[in-house]
Amino acid sequence: MSDIITKAVEALSEKIEGGFAAGVAKFVIEGEGAIVVDGDGVRAADDEADVTLTADLETFQGMIEGEINPTAAFMQGKLSVDGDMGMAMQLGSALA
């Protein structure tokens, strides 16, 4: 597992304390790997998910740091969403 994924898991764990009860979401960081967020918490994994959000490293870091709004990233084509859009919006709210 890359250092980037390890740090991303730590950062997401702080943002989404107690897990994500709405379902299973996966972040794919292009060229780095994947992170799964669910009711059990945050972990490096590439499991099946209800929604998959894909972005480059810069966009992902910006969303985690609060510098990039996930909805704006989606509208600008910097974040792609595959699956349950409602769940993606809930996850975006959790990151804010």
Protein backbone atom coordinates (compact mmCIF):
# COMPACT_ATOMS: atom_id res chain seq x y z
CA MET A 1 0.00 0.00 0.00
CA SER A 2 1.35 3.42 -0.92
CA ASP A 3 2.06 6.16 1.60
CA ILE A 4 -0.56 8.27 -0.18
CA ILE A 5 -3.29 5.68 0.44
CA THR A 6 -2.18 5.26 4.06
CA LYS A 7 -2.37 9.02 4.65
CA ALA A 8 -5.70 9.24 2.82
CA VAL A 9 -7.18 6.51 5.05
CA GLU A 10 -6.03 8.44 8.14
CA ALA A 11 -7.45 11.74 6.85
CA LEU A 12 -10.81 10.19 5.89
CA SER A 13 -11.02 8.40 9.23
CA GLU A 14 -10.78 11.76 11.01
CA LYS A 15 -13.46 13.29 8.77
CA ILE A 16 -15.86 10.33 8.95
CA GLU A 17 -15.60 9.25 12.57
CA GLY A 18 -17.70 6.19 13.37
CA GLY A 19 -17.98 5.09 9.74
CA PHE A 20 -20.51 5.80 7.02
CA ALA A 21 -23.87 4.23 7.82
CA ALA A 22 -25.54 5.03 4.48
CA GLY A 23 -23.83 2.15 2.65
CA VAL A 24 -20.52 1.26 1.05
CA ALA A 25 -18.60 3.93 -0.82
CA LYS A 26 -15.27 3.64 -2.59
CA PHE A 27 -12.79 6.37 -3.44
CA VAL A 28 -10.45 5.55 -6.30
CA ILE A 29 -7.40 7.78 -6.44
CA GLU A 30 -6.08 7.51 -9.99
CA GLY A 31 -2.66 5.87 -10.10
CA GLU A 32 -2.62 5.21 -6.33
CA GLY A 33 -5.35 2.78 -5.27
CA ALA A 34 -8.74 2.61 -3.59
CA ILE A 35 -10.28 3.32 -0.19
CA VAL A 36 -13.55 1.89 1.08
CA VAL A 37 -15.79 3.76 3.53
CA ASP A 38 -18.68 1.94 5.24
CA GLY A 39 -20.30 1.32 8.60
CA ASP A 40 -17.09 -0.34 9.83
CA GLY A 41 -14.97 2.74 9.08
CA VAL A 42 -12.32 3.55 6.49
CA ARG A 43 -9.79 1.13 5.03
CA ALA A 44 -7.57 0.60 2.02
CA ALA A 45 -9.48 -1.86 -0.15
CA ASP A 46 -10.98 -2.33 -3.59
CA ASP A 47 -14.23 -4.02 -2.51
CA GLU A 48 -17.57 -3.78 -4.29
CA ALA A 49 -19.39 -0.57 -3.37
CA ASP A 50 -22.77 1.10 -3.77
CA VAL A 51 -21.02 4.17 -5.17
CA THR A 52 -17.52 4.71 -6.52
CA LEU A 53 -15.96 8.16 -6.66
CA THR A 54 -12.88 8.55 -8.85
CA ALA A 55 -10.52 11.53 -8.88
CA ASP A 56 -6.88 12.37 -9.31
CA LEU A 57 -4.69 12.85 -6.27
CA GLU A 58 -4.84 16.66 -6.34
CA THR A 59 -8.65 16.71 -6.41
CA PHE A 60 -8.92 14.07 -3.68
CA GLN A 61 -6.52 15.96 -1.41
CA GLY A 62 -8.42 19.19 -2.02
CA MET A 63 -11.70 17.57 -1.02
CA ILE A 64 -10.21 16.07 2.16
CA GLU A 65 -8.57 19.39 3.12
CA GLY A 66 -11.81 21.29 2.48
CA GLU A 67 -10.33 23.36 -0.35
CA ILE A 68 -12.41 21.71 -3.08
CA ASN A 69 -16.16 21.21 -2.81
CA PRO A 70 -17.03 17.65 -3.95
CA THR A 71 -20.13 18.86 -5.83
CA ALA A 72 -18.10 21.52 -7.64
CA ALA A 73 -15.42 18.91 -8.49
CA PHE A 74 -18.13 16.70 -9.99
CA MET A 75 -19.64 19.56 -11.99
CA GLN A 76 -16.18 20.50 -13.32
CA GLY A 77 -15.47 16.92 -14.39
CA LYS A 78 -12.69 16.47 -11.82
CA LEU A 79 -14.66 13.84 -9.87
CA SER A 80 -16.60 11.00 -11.49
CA VAL A 81 -19.37 9.14 -9.72
CA ASP A 82 -20.52 5.64 -10.60
CA GLY A 83 -23.50 4.24 -8.73
CA ASP A 84 -25.83 5.73 -6.12
CA MET A 85 -25.73 9.51 -6.63
CA GLY A 86 -27.74 10.13 -3.45
CA MET A 87 -25.15 8.27 -1.42
CA ALA A 88 -22.37 10.24 -3.12
CA MET A 89 -24.08 13.46 -2.04
CA GLN A 90 -24.34 12.20 1.55
CA LEU A 91 -20.65 11.34 1.51
CA GLY A 92 -19.85 14.77 0.09
CA SER A 93 -21.74 16.36 2.98
CA ALA A 94 -19.78 14.22 5.44
CA LEU A 95 -16.53 15.54 4.00
CA ALA A 96 -17.54 19.19 4.31
